[in-house]
Amino acid sequence: MKKEKKSKKTFALVEKIKEDKVSFAVYAIIRLIVIFILIRSIFLREWESVYVCALTLVLLLLPPFIERELKIELPTGLEITAFVFVFCAEILGELGAYYVKIPLWDTALHTVSGFIFAAFGFCLLDLLNRNKRVNLSPLTLTLVAFCFSMTVGVLWEFFEFGADLFMSTDMQKDTLVHNLYTVTLDPQQANNVVAVKDIVKTVIETADGSIVTLDGYLDTGITDTMKDLFVNFIGAVVFCLCGYIYVTKRGKRASRIVAGFVPKVTQNEEKEKQLLEETPENDI
C-alpha cells in the first residue's frame, strides 16, 4: 500500500509538470540528460557521480511538489529557472567542475538562488496575506521575503563551513590574495593592525617535509563566503523590487510583466477561500 501511494504521488507530480508544455519540455530534457549520466556513472563505478545524479533527480521534483502541497502555481519563468538552476548547480557545477573552470559560475548561481528563495518566501507570505485576518503592507511583505532569502543564504554558508570542517571538502572556495591586514602579527599584542602588502609568494611546509609554494597568500573561504552572501543579497533585492511592484500595482501593465516570476494561488484554492470567508460562522 505504501509503495502504491508513493507511486501515485510521483505520478501526480509528473502530471503537474505536464500541465505547462514549456516547463515540461525543459524538465524532460534535463531529466533525460541526468539519467544518461547516471547510467554511465554506474557502469564506470563513479559512485560520487551516481549520488549527485540521484540527488539531482530528486531536486527536479521539488518545484511541482511545492506547487501541489502548497496549492500554488509557479509561473513558467520561475519554474524553468528552478529546473535550470538545479542542473547548473549539481550536474555542470559538481560533475562538470564548472565551479573551478568558470570563475563566475558560483557567483551567478548564488545570485539566482537569492532570487528564487525570495520568490518562495514572498509567495508564502502573499498566501498568508490573502486571508482577511492578516494584512501585511507591501513593504512588510517584501522585507520579510528578503529576510527569508538571506536566512537561507546564511544557513547554506553554515552548511558549506561544516562540510569543509568535518568532511574535508572545499565548498568554501579558497582565494589567493596579495595584501594582508591582521592584528595577529602585532609584536606588542596591542591590537594594532599590521599591513603586509604586495605578497608574491607563500611557502607552506608540512610535518612530513613537503613544501607547497603559492603565488600569494591563501585566504581560506572568507572572501568566497562574503561574495556569495553579497550576490545572494543582490538576487533577493531584485526579486523583492519585482514583488513590491506586483503587490502595489496588481492588474496594471507593470504588474503583468512581473507576474511571470511571482507564484500565485491556484484558482481552486482561491474559490475555496472565498467560500469559507463568505460562509457565516453559524453555518460551519
Protein backbone atom coordinates (compact mmCIF):
# COMPACT_ATOMS: atom_id res chain seq x y z
CA MET A 1 0.00 0.00 0.00
CA LYS A 2 2.81 2.41 0.86
CA LYS A 3 4.53 1.72 -2.47
CA GLU A 4 1.26 2.37 -4.32
CA LYS A 5 0.81 5.68 -2.51
CA LYS A 6 4.37 6.74 -3.33
CA SER A 7 3.96 5.82 -6.99
CA LYS A 8 0.67 7.73 -7.15
CA LYS A 9 2.31 10.79 -5.63
CA THR A 10 5.21 10.60 -8.10
CA PHE A 11 2.76 10.21 -10.99
CA ALA A 12 0.79 13.22 -9.71
CA LEU A 13 3.97 15.30 -9.62
CA VAL A 14 4.82 14.38 -13.21
CA GLU A 15 1.26 15.18 -14.30
CA LYS A 16 1.59 18.54 -12.57
CA ILE A 17 4.68 19.30 -14.64
CA LYS A 18 2.94 18.27 -17.87
CA GLU A 19 0.31 20.99 -17.40
CA ASP A 20 2.82 23.54 -18.72
CA LYS A 21 4.27 22.30 -22.01
CA VAL A 22 7.30 24.61 -21.98
CA SER A 23 8.26 23.69 -18.40
CA PHE A 24 7.66 20.01 -19.15
CA ALA A 25 9.94 20.16 -22.21
CA VAL A 26 12.76 21.69 -20.16
CA TYR A 27 12.15 19.22 -17.33
CA ALA A 28 12.11 16.21 -19.70
CA ILE A 29 15.34 17.23 -21.50
CA ILE A 30 17.22 17.85 -18.24
CA ARG A 31 15.92 14.61 -16.69
CA LEU A 32 16.97 12.54 -19.73
CA ILE A 33 20.49 14.05 -19.62
CA VAL A 34 20.78 13.30 -15.89
CA ILE A 35 19.54 9.72 -16.34
CA PHE A 36 22.08 9.15 -19.14
CA ILE A 37 24.90 10.45 -16.90
CA LEU A 38 23.59 8.30 -14.04
CA ILE A 39 23.67 5.09 -16.13
CA ARG A 40 27.12 5.96 -17.46
CA SER A 41 28.42 6.62 -13.93
CA ILE A 42 27.08 3.26 -12.73
CA PHE A 43 28.95 1.40 -15.50
CA LEU A 44 32.13 3.37 -14.72
CA ARG A 45 31.63 2.78 -10.96
CA GLU A 46 31.81 6.52 -10.27
CA TRP A 47 29.68 6.35 -7.13
CA GLU A 48 30.03 10.01 -6.19
CA SER A 49 28.62 10.95 -9.60
CA VAL A 50 25.81 8.44 -9.09
CA TYR A 51 24.93 10.16 -5.80
CA VAL A 52 24.93 13.62 -7.43
CA CYS A 53 22.70 12.40 -10.27
CA ALA A 54 20.25 10.75 -7.86
CA LEU A 55 20.14 13.93 -5.78
CA THR A 56 19.50 15.98 -8.93
CA LEU A 57 16.57 13.77 -9.96
CA VAL A 58 15.02 14.30 -6.52
CA LEU A 59 15.60 18.06 -6.59
CA LEU A 60 13.94 18.32 -10.02
CA LEU A 61 10.71 17.14 -8.40
CA LEU A 62 10.76 19.90 -5.77
CA PRO A 63 9.01 22.67 -7.81
CA PRO A 64 5.96 20.52 -8.73
CA PHE A 65 5.94 19.07 -5.19
CA ILE A 66 5.80 22.57 -3.71
CA GLU A 67 3.04 23.53 -6.17
CA ARG A 68 0.93 20.54 -5.19
CA GLU A 69 1.45 20.70 -1.43
CA LEU A 70 1.03 24.48 -1.07
CA LYS A 71 -1.66 24.63 -3.77
CA ILE A 72 0.14 27.38 -5.66
CA GLU A 73 1.01 27.92 -9.30
CA LEU A 74 4.63 28.60 -10.23
CA PRO A 75 4.89 30.79 -13.34
CA THR A 76 6.68 29.24 -16.32
CA GLY A 77 9.64 31.61 -16.00
CA LEU A 78 10.26 30.81 -12.34
CA GLU A 79 9.75 27.06 -12.78
CA ILE A 80 12.18 26.86 -15.70
CA THR A 81 14.67 28.96 -13.72
CA ALA A 82 14.44 26.44 -10.86
CA PHE A 83 14.96 23.44 -13.18
CA VAL A 84 17.95 25.02 -14.93
CA PHE A 85 19.39 26.15 -11.58
CA VAL A 86 19.38 22.58 -10.23
CA PHE A 87 21.04 21.27 -13.41
CA CYS A 88 23.69 24.01 -13.44
CA ALA A 89 24.47 23.60 -9.74
CA GLU A 90 24.64 19.82 -9.50
CA ILE A 91 25.50 18.43 -12.94
CA LEU A 92 27.53 21.22 -14.55
CA GLY A 93 28.87 22.67 -11.30
CA GLU A 94 29.78 19.46 -9.45
CA LEU A 95 30.30 16.83 -12.16
CA GLY A 96 31.46 19.20 -14.90
CA ALA A 97 33.68 21.11 -12.44
CA TYR A 98 32.31 24.42 -13.72
CA TYR A 99 32.82 25.87 -10.25
CA VAL A 100 36.56 25.63 -10.92
CA LYS A 101 36.66 26.04 -14.71
CA ILE A 102 34.43 29.14 -14.88
CA PRO A 103 35.34 31.79 -12.25
CA LEU A 104 31.89 33.44 -12.08
CA TRP A 105 29.84 30.21 -12.14
CA ASP A 106 29.39 30.02 -8.36
CA THR A 107 28.67 33.75 -8.18
CA ALA A 108 25.95 33.53 -10.83
CA LEU A 109 24.26 30.58 -9.10
CA HIS A 110 24.24 32.29 -5.71
CA THR A 111 22.65 35.35 -7.32
CA VAL A 112 19.92 33.20 -8.88
CA SER A 113 19.36 31.30 -5.63
CA GLY A 114 18.82 34.61 -3.81
CA PHE A 115 16.16 35.47 -6.41
CA ILE A 116 14.44 32.05 -6.23
CA PHE A 117 14.30 31.85 -2.42
CA ALA A 118 12.99 35.42 -2.21
CA ALA A 119 10.25 34.32 -4.64
CA PHE A 120 9.26 31.37 -2.43
CA GLY A 121 9.37 33.47 0.73
CA PHE A 122 7.26 36.14 -0.96
CA CYS A 123 4.78 33.52 -2.15
CA LEU A 124 4.27 32.06 1.34
CA LEU A 125 3.64 35.50 2.81
CA ASP A 126 1.39 36.53 -0.07
CA LEU A 127 -0.71 33.40 0.55
CA LEU A 128 -1.00 34.38 4.20
CA ASN A 129 -1.86 37.91 3.20
CA ARG A 130 -4.89 36.73 1.16
CA ASN A 131 -6.57 35.86 4.49
CA LYS A 132 -8.71 38.78 5.65
CA ARG A 133 -7.45 38.34 9.22
CA VAL A 134 -3.87 39.08 8.10
CA ASN A 135 -2.99 42.38 6.47
CA LEU A 136 0.70 42.84 5.76
CA SER A 137 1.68 46.02 3.97
CA PRO A 138 3.54 45.64 0.62
CA LEU A 139 6.71 46.95 2.28
CA THR A 140 6.48 44.44 5.14
CA LEU A 141 5.77 41.65 2.67
CA THR A 142 8.86 42.39 0.58
CA LEU A 143 11.11 42.95 3.62
CA VAL A 144 10.18 39.60 5.16
CA ALA A 145 10.68 37.85 1.79
CA PHE A 146 14.11 39.47 1.60
CA CYS A 147 14.97 38.27 5.12
CA PHE A 148 13.77 34.76 4.21
CA SER A 149 16.13 34.64 1.22
CA MET A 150 19.09 35.97 3.21
CA THR A 151 18.42 33.48 6.03
CA VAL A 152 18.53 30.59 3.55
CA GLY A 153 21.78 32.01 2.15
CA VAL A 154 23.36 32.21 5.61
CA LEU A 155 22.24 28.67 6.50
CA TRP A 156 23.79 27.41 3.27
CA GLU A 157 27.11 29.06 4.17
CA PHE A 158 26.91 27.34 7.58
CA PHE A 159 26.47 24.05 5.72
CA GLU A 160 29.50 24.77 3.49
CA PHE A 161 31.62 25.64 6.53
CA GLY A 162 30.51 22.47 8.34
CA ALA A 163 31.25 20.30 5.30
CA ASP A 164 34.75 21.80 4.97
CA LEU A 165 35.43 21.43 8.70
CA PHE A 166 34.14 17.91 9.31
CA MET A 167 34.24 16.24 5.86
CA SER A 168 37.47 17.78 4.47
CA THR A 169 35.73 19.26 1.42
CA ASP A 170 36.39 22.64 -0.21
CA MET A 171 32.89 24.07 -0.63
CA GLN A 172 34.07 27.47 0.58
CA LYS A 173 36.49 28.02 -2.26
CA ASP A 174 39.88 29.49 -1.31
CA THR A 175 41.15 32.75 -2.80
CA LEU A 176 44.70 33.94 -3.40
CA VAL A 177 45.15 37.47 -2.01
CA HIS A 178 48.19 39.74 -2.18
CA ASN A 179 47.53 42.09 0.75
CA LEU A 180 47.00 41.11 4.37
CA TYR A 181 45.85 43.20 7.33
CA THR A 182 45.98 41.48 10.73
CA VAL A 183 46.50 42.11 14.45
CA THR A 184 47.93 38.61 14.90
CA LEU A 185 51.36 39.79 13.68
CA ASP A 186 51.49 42.74 16.09
CA PRO A 187 54.64 42.08 18.15
CA GLN A 188 53.35 44.20 21.05
CA GLN A 189 49.97 42.38 21.14
CA ALA A 190 48.28 45.79 21.45
CA ASN A 191 45.55 45.19 18.86
CA ASN A 192 47.41 47.22 16.25
CA VAL A 193 46.77 46.31 12.63
CA VAL A 194 49.87 45.13 10.77
CA ALA A 195 49.76 45.58 6.98
CA VAL A 196 51.55 43.03 4.80
CA LYS A 197 51.32 44.27 1.22
CA ASP A 198 52.35 43.01 -2.22
CA ILE A 199 52.64 39.35 -1.21
CA VAL A 200 54.15 37.50 -4.17
CA LYS A 201 54.88 34.13 -2.60
CA THR A 202 53.86 31.96 0.36
CA VAL A 203 55.78 28.81 1.26
CA ILE A 204 53.96 26.10 3.23
CA GLU A 205 55.97 23.32 4.88
CA THR A 206 54.14 20.31 6.34
CA ALA A 207 55.24 17.96 9.14
CA ASP A 208 56.43 15.32 6.65
CA GLY A 209 58.73 17.82 4.94
CA SER A 210 56.50 18.53 1.92
CA ILE A 211 56.69 22.07 0.60
CA VAL A 212 53.92 23.89 -1.28
CA THR A 213 54.59 27.27 -2.89
CA LEU A 214 51.73 29.68 -3.66
CA ASP A 215 51.73 32.89 -5.70
CA GLY A 216 50.23 34.92 -2.88
CA TYR A 217 48.50 34.32 0.46
CA LEU A 218 45.75 31.68 0.57
CA ASP A 219 42.56 33.06 2.09
CA THR A 220 40.60 30.02 3.28
CA GLY A 221 37.00 30.76 2.46
CA ILE A 222 36.08 34.13 3.98
CA THR A 223 36.28 36.02 0.67
CA ASP A 224 34.16 33.39 -1.08
CA THR A 225 31.57 33.39 1.74
CA MET A 226 31.16 37.17 1.77
CA LYS A 227 30.96 37.30 -2.03
CA ASP A 228 28.26 34.58 -2.01
CA LEU A 229 26.21 36.44 0.59
CA PHE A 230 26.57 39.71 -1.28
CA VAL A 231 25.31 38.31 -4.60
CA ASN A 232 22.54 36.48 -2.71
CA PHE A 233 21.62 39.92 -1.37
CA ILE A 234 21.50 41.31 -4.93
CA GLY A 235 19.28 38.46 -6.17
CA ALA A 236 16.92 38.90 -3.21
CA VAL A 237 16.70 42.67 -3.71
CA VAL A 238 15.91 42.26 -7.42
CA PHE A 239 13.02 39.90 -6.72
CA CYS A 240 11.71 41.96 -3.80
CA LEU A 241 11.52 45.02 -6.05
CA CYS A 242 9.58 42.91 -8.57
CA GLY A 243 7.34 41.59 -5.79
CA TYR A 244 6.66 45.08 -4.48
CA ILE A 245 5.59 46.22 -7.96
CA TYR A 246 3.41 43.12 -8.28
CA VAL A 247 1.58 43.75 -4.98
CA THR A 248 1.14 47.52 -5.30
CA LYS A 249 0.11 47.51 -8.95
CA ARG A 250 -2.00 44.35 -9.31
CA GLY A 251 -3.76 44.22 -12.68
CA LYS A 252 -1.71 47.01 -14.22
CA ARG A 253 0.78 46.60 -17.06
CA ALA A 254 3.87 46.70 -14.82
CA SER A 255 2.35 44.04 -12.57
CA ARG A 256 1.55 41.75 -15.52
CA ILE A 257 5.21 41.86 -16.64
CA VAL A 258 6.46 40.97 -13.15
CA ALA A 259 3.77 38.28 -12.72
CA GLY A 260 5.84 35.93 -14.88
CA PHE A 261 8.11 35.33 -11.87
CA VAL A 262 5.67 35.59 -8.94
CA PRO A 263 3.98 32.38 -7.66
CA LYS A 264 0.18 32.56 -7.44
CA VAL A 265 -2.60 30.76 -5.58
CA THR A 266 -4.35 28.17 -7.75
CA GLN A 267 -7.85 29.07 -8.89
CA ASN A 268 -9.47 26.20 -6.94
CA GLU A 269 -7.77 27.31 -3.75
CA GLU A 270 -8.92 30.89 -4.30
CA LYS A 271 -12.54 29.73 -4.70
CA GLU A 272 -12.37 27.61 -1.54
CA LYS A 273 -11.06 30.58 0.48
CA GLN A 274 -13.77 32.86 -0.87
CA LEU A 275 -16.48 30.34 0.07
CA LEU A 276 -15.09 29.95 3.59
CA GLU A 277 -14.92 33.72 4.05
CA GLU A 278 -18.48 34.21 2.75
CA THR A 279 -19.96 31.39 4.88
CA PRO A 280 -21.36 32.60 8.26
CA GLU A 281 -19.71 31.07 11.31
CA ASN A 282 -23.04 29.56 12.48
CA ASP A 283 -23.29 27.53 9.26
CA ILE A 284 -19.85 25.95 9.66
